[in-house]
Amino acid sequence: MNQRAEKPVLSGQRIKTRKRDEKEKFDSTGFRNLLLAGLIEVGTDLDALSKYLDGAGNSKLDYRRYGETLFDVLIAGGLLGPSGVTPGDGGKLAPACIFAAENTMEALKAYEQVFLKLMRRYKYLEKMFEEEMRKVYTYMKRFSEEERIKLARMTGLWICNGSLSASVLTVIAVEHLVKDNLALDFILEVFTVWKQERGVSNLVSGVKKSGLDSKLMDFFPLNKRGPEHFQYFKSAFEDRGLAEMVKLQKNQANQEVKNDLTEYLKEALNENKSPKEIIAEVKDYSIKNNLEELDVLTIIWTSLMVAVEWNKKEELVADQALRYLKNYTGLLGAFCTNSRSELTLMLRIQDFCYDNMNFMKVFQRIILLLYKTDVLSEETILKWYKEGHGSKGKSVFLEQTKKFVEWLQNAEEESDESPEED
């Protein structure tokens, strides 16, 4: 059997490896020890610390490769993991780190500057920092209460200066941190610092922008969530001077209730439930969830009008709309129990007719239908005409209803006549 002859190799030949094929072993422990040696030498002087970090990143320390380890040490003095903080050789921790700082805002702001200077000098660390913090927060249970407070206050400062996005806080809304109130205490401390540093309007807008407004209940233990536990939520935030978050949660919960009602009406209309049945269920739902009549009425009107595929021909859509709405005047009337609600309905009708151009000439006929079926009163229609109308299509709709309004103004109370449609 033929065998390929081996090529001769010269004695002493060196096999070269291209640098791009060499892979340096990842050694976070070695990096930590090297970093700690420098930090121990620097001591607790934060100006000297910043100068050291600035220079070391250009020489002996590879921040790009070991950015997470760098932040571990600057936060906790050693490597962070599920078991807590692992010190360097000989049990040594960095003398200057967040966990070793005095628990005062003045001291913590000084450490904030260390982080800011470092990330401004090495811009690639900015992205690493947010990823690192997502990891750090999950180890929170291993920290002492004082360490958690320091970390929360620093987090507030980092959010205020733009180093962190507030959305990163969602990682602490997990069962092992929630059940013992660790997540709640942490976020309350963060919000307190945020409000102190940037004011309440910045706090509220930032919480909304980050999407935290819809997740505030997630930081509470499972047995303390839901509308029936709102007093617990209210006390937790108000005790920390964060009443604005209570209002935010009320609005969020109210919006969820409205969304649920909208979904119910969509299904009810699709299933052709009777107006009587819908009225009973909507009233029960609105009472149970403390929904105001104005909100319910707006949702009903919107749901009614989006449930239909309207004729695209202007001359046909009027008859289609009137035939359809005649079936639901009782539903509208059930939630039009005062002049304020009636005026709200007229404004919603005005907005709809303006936004849907085929309905521009139908406005007066819809109002007349609702007047004849006792949904709208004479007083409300006159008030709308004189001062209560909206700006959308104002001149068109006022001109449309002019004759009808004149009839209302001139008709004698005892007259049995009713206005005719144009």
Protein backbone atom coordinates (compact mmCIF):
# COMPACT_ATOMS: atom_id res chain seq x y z
CA MET A 1 0.00 0.00 0.00
CA ASN A 2 1.36 3.37 -1.02
CA GLN A 3 2.07 5.83 1.80
CA ARG A 4 2.74 9.52 1.38
CA ALA A 5 6.31 10.30 2.33
CA GLU A 6 6.75 12.78 5.18
CA LYS A 7 8.42 16.02 4.28
CA PRO A 8 11.86 16.45 5.82
CA VAL A 9 12.10 18.94 8.68
CA LEU A 10 15.27 20.87 9.22
CA SER A 11 16.84 20.51 12.63
CA GLY A 12 16.12 23.52 14.86
CA GLN A 13 13.25 24.79 12.69
CA ARG A 14 10.86 27.14 14.55
CA ILE A 15 7.16 27.04 13.70
CA LYS A 16 5.79 30.56 13.69
CA THR A 17 2.25 31.34 14.82
CA ARG A 18 0.51 34.39 13.45
CA LYS A 19 -0.49 36.87 16.14
CA ARG A 20 -4.09 36.86 15.00
CA ASP A 21 -4.26 33.11 15.70
CA GLU A 22 -3.02 33.50 19.26
CA LYS A 23 -5.70 33.65 21.91
CA GLU A 24 -4.83 35.19 25.22
CA LYS A 25 -6.31 33.32 28.15
CA PHE A 26 -9.04 35.29 29.93
CA ASP A 27 -7.79 35.91 33.44
CA SER A 28 -10.11 38.15 35.46
CA THR A 29 -8.45 37.07 38.71
CA GLY A 30 -5.05 38.16 37.45
CA PHE A 31 -6.48 41.49 36.30
CA ARG A 32 -8.16 41.96 39.69
CA ASN A 33 -4.92 41.33 41.57
CA LEU A 34 -2.98 43.71 39.34
CA LEU A 35 -5.67 46.39 39.70
CA LEU A 36 -5.89 45.90 43.48
CA ALA A 37 -2.13 46.28 43.84
CA GLY A 38 -2.36 49.69 42.22
CA LEU A 39 -5.45 50.75 44.17
CA ILE A 40 -3.93 49.71 47.50
CA GLU A 41 -0.86 51.76 46.71
CA VAL A 42 -3.01 54.79 45.85
CA GLY A 43 -5.10 54.52 49.01
CA THR A 44 -8.27 56.55 49.63
CA ASP A 45 -7.28 59.75 47.82
CA LEU A 46 -9.91 59.92 45.05
CA ASP A 47 -7.99 62.45 42.94
CA ALA A 48 -4.98 60.13 42.99
CA LEU A 49 -7.30 57.22 42.23
CA SER A 50 -8.66 58.94 39.12
CA LYS A 51 -5.13 59.77 37.91
CA TYR A 52 -4.04 56.17 38.44
CA LEU A 53 -7.04 54.75 36.55
CA ASP A 54 -6.53 57.23 33.73
CA GLY A 55 -2.91 56.21 33.21
CA ALA A 56 -3.19 52.49 33.90
CA GLY A 57 -5.74 52.02 31.11
CA ASN A 58 -3.10 53.13 28.61
CA SER A 59 -0.39 50.84 29.91
CA LYS A 60 -0.68 47.75 32.12
CA LEU A 61 -4.47 47.33 32.52
CA ASP A 62 -6.68 46.15 29.65
CA TYR A 63 -10.02 47.85 30.41
CA ARG A 64 -11.50 46.82 27.09
CA ARG A 65 -11.06 43.14 27.96
CA TYR A 66 -11.72 43.33 31.70
CA GLY A 67 -14.19 46.20 32.00
CA GLU A 68 -16.63 44.19 34.14
CA THR A 69 -13.89 43.24 36.60
CA LEU A 70 -12.79 46.87 36.76
CA PHE A 71 -16.30 47.99 37.77
CA ASP A 72 -16.64 45.11 40.24
CA VAL A 73 -13.59 46.33 42.12
CA LEU A 74 -14.57 50.01 42.00
CA ILE A 75 -18.02 49.17 43.38
CA ALA A 76 -17.33 46.41 45.90
CA GLY A 77 -13.55 46.28 46.31
CA GLY A 78 -13.24 42.80 44.77
CA LEU A 79 -14.85 40.38 42.30
CA LEU A 80 -18.66 40.14 42.48
CA GLY A 81 -20.54 36.88 42.09
CA PRO A 82 -23.51 34.88 43.37
CA SER A 83 -21.65 34.26 46.66
CA GLY A 84 -20.90 37.96 47.21
CA VAL A 85 -17.56 39.80 47.07
CA THR A 86 -14.36 37.82 46.51
CA PRO A 87 -11.29 39.75 47.75
CA GLY A 88 -7.84 39.60 46.25
CA ASP A 89 -4.84 37.61 47.47
CA GLY A 90 -4.50 37.77 51.22
CA GLY A 91 -8.15 38.80 51.63
CA LYS A 92 -7.44 42.34 50.50
CA LEU A 93 -10.14 44.68 49.14
CA ALA A 94 -9.73 48.01 47.41
CA PRO A 95 -9.47 50.73 50.09
CA ALA A 96 -11.41 53.12 47.87
CA CYS A 97 -14.67 51.72 46.50
CA ILE A 98 -18.37 52.52 46.80
CA PHE A 99 -19.00 49.91 49.50
CA ALA A 100 -16.12 51.34 51.56
CA ALA A 101 -17.27 54.97 51.17
CA GLU A 102 -18.98 57.01 53.86
CA ASN A 103 -22.74 56.72 53.53
CA THR A 104 -23.29 60.41 52.82
CA MET A 105 -24.36 62.08 49.60
CA GLU A 106 -21.22 64.25 49.65
CA ALA A 107 -18.94 61.21 49.81
CA LEU A 108 -20.91 59.31 47.18
CA LYS A 109 -20.88 62.27 44.78
CA ALA A 110 -17.09 62.23 45.01
CA TYR A 111 -17.13 58.60 43.87
CA GLU A 112 -19.58 59.55 41.11
CA GLN A 113 -16.86 61.82 39.70
CA VAL A 114 -14.38 58.92 39.64
CA PHE A 115 -16.75 56.93 37.42
CA LEU A 116 -17.59 59.91 35.22
CA LYS A 117 -13.93 60.77 34.57
CA LEU A 118 -13.07 57.14 33.84
CA MET A 119 -15.89 56.66 31.30
CA ARG A 120 -15.26 60.00 29.62
CA ARG A 121 -11.63 58.97 29.16
CA TYR A 122 -12.49 55.45 27.94
CA LYS A 123 -15.79 55.83 26.08
CA TYR A 124 -16.10 52.11 25.34
CA LEU A 125 -16.69 51.53 29.05
CA GLU A 126 -20.09 53.26 28.88
CA LYS A 127 -21.83 50.29 27.26
CA MET A 128 -19.98 47.81 29.49
CA PHE A 129 -21.12 49.75 32.56
CA GLU A 130 -24.84 49.25 31.97
CA GLU A 131 -24.34 45.54 31.31
CA GLU A 132 -22.21 45.28 34.44
CA MET A 133 -24.89 46.94 36.58
CA ARG A 134 -27.53 44.51 35.34
CA LYS A 135 -25.33 41.78 36.78
CA VAL A 136 -24.47 43.62 40.01
CA TYR A 137 -28.12 44.24 40.92
CA THR A 138 -28.95 40.54 40.72
CA TYR A 139 -26.41 39.88 43.52
CA MET A 140 -28.05 42.44 45.81
CA LYS A 141 -29.19 39.87 48.36
CA ARG A 142 -25.53 39.17 49.18
CA PHE A 143 -24.85 42.78 50.15
CA SER A 144 -25.37 44.30 53.57
CA GLU A 145 -28.22 46.78 54.11
CA GLU A 146 -25.77 49.69 54.18
CA GLU A 147 -24.11 48.50 50.95
CA ARG A 148 -27.51 48.30 49.26
CA ILE A 149 -28.34 51.84 50.36
CA LYS A 150 -25.01 53.15 49.00
CA LEU A 151 -25.54 51.30 45.73
CA ALA A 152 -29.10 52.65 45.42
CA ARG A 153 -27.94 56.22 46.04
CA MET A 154 -25.16 55.85 43.50
CA THR A 155 -27.68 54.42 41.05
CA GLY A 156 -29.82 57.52 41.51
CA LEU A 157 -26.80 59.71 40.78
CA TRP A 158 -25.83 57.64 37.73
CA ILE A 159 -29.35 57.90 36.33
CA CYS A 160 -29.34 61.67 36.90
CA ASN A 161 -26.02 62.16 35.08
CA GLY A 162 -26.96 59.87 32.20
CA SER A 163 -24.50 57.06 32.95
CA LEU A 164 -27.39 54.61 33.42
CA SER A 165 -30.84 54.21 31.93
CA ALA A 166 -33.60 53.93 34.53
CA SER A 167 -34.93 50.90 32.64
CA VAL A 168 -32.01 48.87 34.06
CA LEU A 169 -33.91 48.76 37.35
CA THR A 170 -36.34 46.21 35.93
CA VAL A 171 -33.73 43.49 36.56
CA ILE A 172 -34.37 43.69 40.32
CA ALA A 173 -38.09 42.93 39.96
CA VAL A 174 -37.42 39.22 40.50
CA GLU A 175 -38.88 36.93 43.14
CA HIS A 176 -35.80 36.47 45.37
CA LEU A 177 -35.40 40.26 45.70
CA VAL A 178 -39.09 41.14 45.74
CA LYS A 179 -40.31 38.78 48.44
CA ASP A 180 -38.15 40.34 51.19
CA ASN A 181 -38.84 43.93 50.07
CA LEU A 182 -35.23 44.35 48.91
CA ALA A 183 -36.34 45.47 45.44
CA LEU A 184 -38.90 47.91 46.84
CA ASP A 185 -36.50 49.47 49.36
CA PHE A 186 -33.88 49.82 46.64
CA ILE A 187 -36.11 51.56 44.12
CA LEU A 188 -37.53 53.88 46.79
CA GLU A 189 -33.99 54.98 47.65
CA VAL A 190 -33.16 55.50 43.96
CA PHE A 191 -36.28 57.62 43.40
CA THR A 192 -35.61 59.67 46.54
CA VAL A 193 -32.13 60.63 45.29
CA TRP A 194 -33.46 61.25 41.79
CA LYS A 195 -36.09 63.66 43.11
CA GLN A 196 -33.56 65.45 45.31
CA GLU A 197 -31.07 65.88 42.48
CA ARG A 198 -33.31 66.70 39.53
CA GLY A 199 -36.74 67.58 40.90
CA VAL A 200 -40.10 65.89 40.75
CA SER A 201 -40.93 66.71 37.12
CA ASN A 202 -37.69 65.12 35.92
CA LEU A 203 -38.39 62.05 38.07
CA VAL A 204 -41.92 61.62 36.75
CA SER A 205 -40.97 62.15 33.09
CA GLY A 206 -37.96 59.85 33.43
CA VAL A 207 -40.01 57.06 35.00
CA LYS A 208 -42.54 57.35 32.18
CA LYS A 209 -39.88 57.46 29.48
CA SER A 210 -38.15 54.36 30.81
CA GLY A 211 -41.43 52.42 31.00
CA LEU A 212 -41.12 51.95 34.76
CA ASP A 213 -44.53 53.59 35.32
CA SER A 214 -46.24 50.41 34.11
CA LYS A 215 -44.02 48.17 36.27
CA LEU A 216 -44.09 49.83 39.69
CA MET A 217 -46.25 47.09 41.20
CA ASP A 218 -43.68 44.50 40.07
CA PHE A 219 -41.34 45.66 42.85
CA PHE A 220 -43.87 44.66 45.51
CA PRO A 221 -44.23 41.15 46.97
CA LEU A 222 -46.80 39.06 45.11
CA ASN A 223 -49.25 39.20 48.02
CA LYS A 224 -49.14 43.02 48.04
CA ARG A 225 -50.07 43.69 44.42
CA GLY A 226 -53.39 44.54 42.83
CA PRO A 227 -56.00 47.27 43.39
CA GLU A 228 -57.02 45.85 46.77
CA HIS A 229 -53.49 46.53 48.09
CA PHE A 230 -53.24 50.07 46.75
CA GLN A 231 -53.13 51.53 50.29
CA TYR A 232 -49.93 49.55 50.93
CA PHE A 233 -48.44 50.96 47.72
CA LYS A 234 -49.60 54.47 48.68
CA SER A 235 -48.03 54.31 52.15
CA ALA A 236 -44.71 52.94 50.85
CA PHE A 237 -44.20 55.86 48.46
CA GLU A 238 -45.77 58.64 50.50
CA ASP A 239 -43.63 57.75 53.54
CA ARG A 240 -40.59 58.56 51.37
CA GLY A 241 -42.03 61.83 50.06
CA LEU A 242 -42.85 60.29 46.67
CA ALA A 243 -46.57 61.07 46.42
CA GLU A 244 -46.07 61.77 42.71
CA MET A 245 -45.46 58.06 42.14
CA VAL A 246 -48.80 57.30 43.77
CA LYS A 247 -50.55 59.56 41.29
CA LEU A 248 -48.60 57.93 38.47
CA GLN A 249 -49.68 54.48 39.61
CA LYS A 250 -53.30 55.59 39.87
CA ASN A 251 -53.18 56.84 36.29
CA GLN A 252 -51.53 53.64 35.12
CA ALA A 253 -54.06 51.44 36.92
CA ASN A 254 -56.89 53.58 35.58
CA GLN A 255 -55.60 53.19 32.04
CA GLU A 256 -55.45 49.43 32.43
CA VAL A 257 -59.06 49.43 33.62
CA LYS A 258 -60.07 51.54 30.61
CA ASN A 259 -58.26 49.17 28.27
CA ASP A 260 -60.11 46.22 29.78
CA LEU A 261 -63.46 48.00 29.36
CA THR A 262 -62.62 48.81 25.75
CA GLU A 263 -61.81 45.16 25.10
CA TYR A 264 -65.08 44.06 26.72
CA LEU A 265 -67.13 46.46 24.57
CA LYS A 266 -65.37 45.28 21.43
CA GLU A 267 -66.31 41.67 22.18
CA ALA A 268 -69.85 42.57 23.29
CA LEU A 269 -70.56 44.50 20.09
CA ASN A 270 -69.06 41.76 17.94
CA GLU A 271 -71.29 39.23 19.68
CA ASN A 272 -74.34 41.49 19.21
CA LYS A 273 -75.15 41.57 22.91
CA SER A 274 -78.25 43.57 23.73
CA PRO A 275 -77.79 47.18 24.91
CA LYS A 276 -79.60 46.23 28.13
CA GLU A 277 -77.06 43.50 28.87
CA ILE A 278 -74.13 45.76 28.01
CA ILE A 279 -75.47 48.54 30.27
CA ALA A 280 -75.73 46.18 33.25
CA GLU A 281 -72.22 44.79 32.81
CA VAL A 282 -70.58 48.17 32.14
CA LYS A 283 -72.26 49.74 35.18
CA ASP A 284 -71.12 46.88 37.38
CA TYR A 285 -67.57 47.12 36.02
CA SER A 286 -67.35 50.93 36.35
CA ILE A 287 -68.61 50.87 39.97
CA LYS A 288 -66.21 48.09 40.92
CA ASN A 289 -63.23 49.94 39.40
CA ASN A 290 -64.24 53.51 40.35
CA LEU A 291 -64.41 54.68 36.74
CA GLU A 292 -65.84 58.15 36.19
CA GLU A 293 -68.92 58.46 33.99
CA LEU A 294 -67.10 60.80 31.59
CA ASP A 295 -64.44 58.16 30.92
CA VAL A 296 -67.00 55.39 30.50
CA LEU A 297 -69.05 57.49 28.09
CA THR A 298 -66.01 58.34 25.98
CA ILE A 299 -65.03 54.67 25.77
CA ILE A 300 -68.58 53.66 24.80
CA TRP A 301 -68.80 56.25 22.02
CA THR A 302 -65.38 55.33 20.62
CA SER A 303 -66.11 51.61 20.80
CA LEU A 304 -69.44 52.04 19.01
CA MET A 305 -67.90 53.98 16.15
CA VAL A 306 -64.87 51.74 15.57
CA ALA A 307 -67.02 48.59 15.58
CA VAL A 308 -68.51 49.43 12.17
CA GLU A 309 -67.07 49.47 8.68
CA TRP A 310 -68.52 52.75 7.47
CA ASN A 311 -69.65 53.39 3.92
CA LYS A 312 -67.08 55.41 2.03
CA LYS A 313 -69.76 57.37 0.18
CA GLU A 314 -70.73 60.55 1.98
CA GLU A 315 -74.33 60.45 0.76
CA LEU A 316 -74.87 56.95 2.20
CA VAL A 317 -72.95 57.09 5.49
CA ALA A 318 -75.52 59.40 7.17
CA ASP A 319 -78.38 56.92 6.88
CA GLN A 320 -76.08 54.07 7.91
CA ALA A 321 -74.91 55.97 11.02
CA LEU A 322 -78.39 56.98 12.13
CA ARG A 323 -79.83 53.46 11.71
CA TYR A 324 -76.91 52.07 13.70
CA LEU A 325 -76.95 54.65 16.52
CA LYS A 326 -80.72 54.31 17.04
CA ASN A 327 -80.00 50.86 18.44
CA TYR A 328 -77.62 52.26 21.05
CA THR A 329 -79.18 55.53 22.21
CA GLY A 330 -80.23 53.74 25.38
CA LEU A 331 -76.63 52.67 26.02
CA LEU A 332 -75.38 56.24 25.58
CA GLY A 333 -78.20 57.66 27.65
CA ALA A 334 -77.47 55.32 30.56
CA PHE A 335 -74.13 57.07 31.03
CA CYS A 336 -75.32 60.60 30.23
CA THR A 337 -76.87 61.43 33.59
CA ASN A 338 -75.80 65.08 33.89
CA SER A 339 -75.00 68.12 31.77
CA ARG A 340 -71.25 67.58 32.06
CA SER A 341 -71.51 64.09 30.59
CA GLU A 342 -73.84 65.32 27.84
CA LEU A 343 -71.40 68.07 26.85
CA THR A 344 -68.54 65.55 26.86
CA LEU A 345 -70.50 63.32 24.47
CA MET A 346 -71.19 66.26 22.13
CA LEU A 347 -67.48 67.10 22.05
CA ARG A 348 -66.55 63.48 21.29
CA ILE A 349 -69.10 63.46 18.44
CA GLN A 350 -67.68 66.73 17.13
CA ASP A 351 -64.13 65.31 17.20
CA PHE A 352 -65.23 62.12 15.44
CA CYS A 353 -67.12 63.90 12.66
CA TYR A 354 -64.18 66.22 12.04
CA ASP A 355 -61.59 63.41 12.02
CA ASN A 356 -63.75 61.30 9.66
CA MET A 357 -64.49 63.61 6.76
CA ASN A 358 -67.46 61.61 5.46
CA PHE A 359 -69.24 62.49 8.70
CA MET A 360 -68.79 66.27 8.40
CA LYS A 361 -72.40 66.74 7.25
CA VAL A 362 -73.80 64.15 9.66
CA PHE A 363 -73.02 65.96 12.91
CA GLN A 364 -76.32 67.88 13.20
CA ARG A 365 -78.38 64.76 12.39
CA ILE A 366 -76.64 62.74 15.13
CA ILE A 367 -77.24 65.53 17.65
CA LEU A 368 -80.90 65.73 16.64
CA LEU A 369 -81.30 61.96 17.04
CA LEU A 370 -79.82 62.08 20.54
CA TYR A 371 -82.05 65.06 21.42
CA LYS A 372 -85.19 63.25 20.31
CA THR A 373 -84.24 60.15 22.31
CA ASP A 374 -83.55 62.21 25.46
CA VAL A 375 -79.81 61.51 25.52
CA LEU A 376 -78.99 65.22 25.07
CA SER A 377 -80.94 68.03 26.70
CA GLU A 378 -81.89 71.38 25.22
CA GLU A 379 -79.74 73.20 27.80
CA THR A 380 -76.60 71.21 26.92
CA ILE A 381 -77.04 71.76 23.17
CA LEU A 382 -77.44 75.51 23.70
CA LYS A 383 -74.41 75.60 25.98
CA TRP A 384 -72.34 73.73 23.38
CA TYR A 385 -73.45 76.18 20.68
CA LYS A 386 -72.73 79.32 22.71
CA GLU A 387 -69.50 78.51 24.49
CA GLY A 388 -68.83 74.79 25.00
CA HIS A 389 -67.90 73.67 21.47
CA GLY A 390 -64.45 72.47 20.50
CA SER A 391 -62.18 74.02 17.90
CA LYS A 392 -62.28 71.16 15.39
CA GLY A 393 -64.60 72.08 12.50
CA LYS A 394 -66.11 74.79 14.66
CA SER A 395 -67.47 77.04 11.91
CA VAL A 396 -68.92 74.11 9.91
CA PHE A 397 -70.71 72.52 12.83
CA LEU A 398 -72.02 75.81 14.23
CA GLU A 399 -73.50 76.67 10.84
CA GLN A 400 -75.01 73.18 10.57
CA THR A 401 -76.79 73.44 13.90
CA LYS A 402 -77.83 77.10 13.57
CA LYS A 403 -81.46 76.46 12.55
CA PHE A 404 -81.87 73.74 15.13
CA VAL A 405 -80.54 76.02 17.88
CA GLU A 406 -82.82 78.85 16.75
CA TRP A 407 -85.76 76.48 16.98
CA LEU A 408 -84.72 75.49 20.50
CA GLN A 409 -84.42 79.13 21.53
CA ASN A 410 -87.77 80.18 20.07
CA ALA A 411 -89.92 77.13 20.78
CA GLU A 412 -92.39 77.56 23.63
CA GLU A 413 -92.05 75.12 26.50
CA GLU A 414 -95.54 73.73 25.99
CA SER A 415 -95.09 73.16 22.26
CA ASP A 416 -95.38 69.56 21.13
CA GLU A 417 -93.64 70.27 17.85
CA SER A 418 -90.21 68.81 17.18
CA PRO A 419 -87.58 70.00 14.72
CA GLU A 420 -87.28 68.34 11.38
CA GLU A 421 -84.04 67.01 9.91
CA ASP A 422 -82.53 69.12 7.13
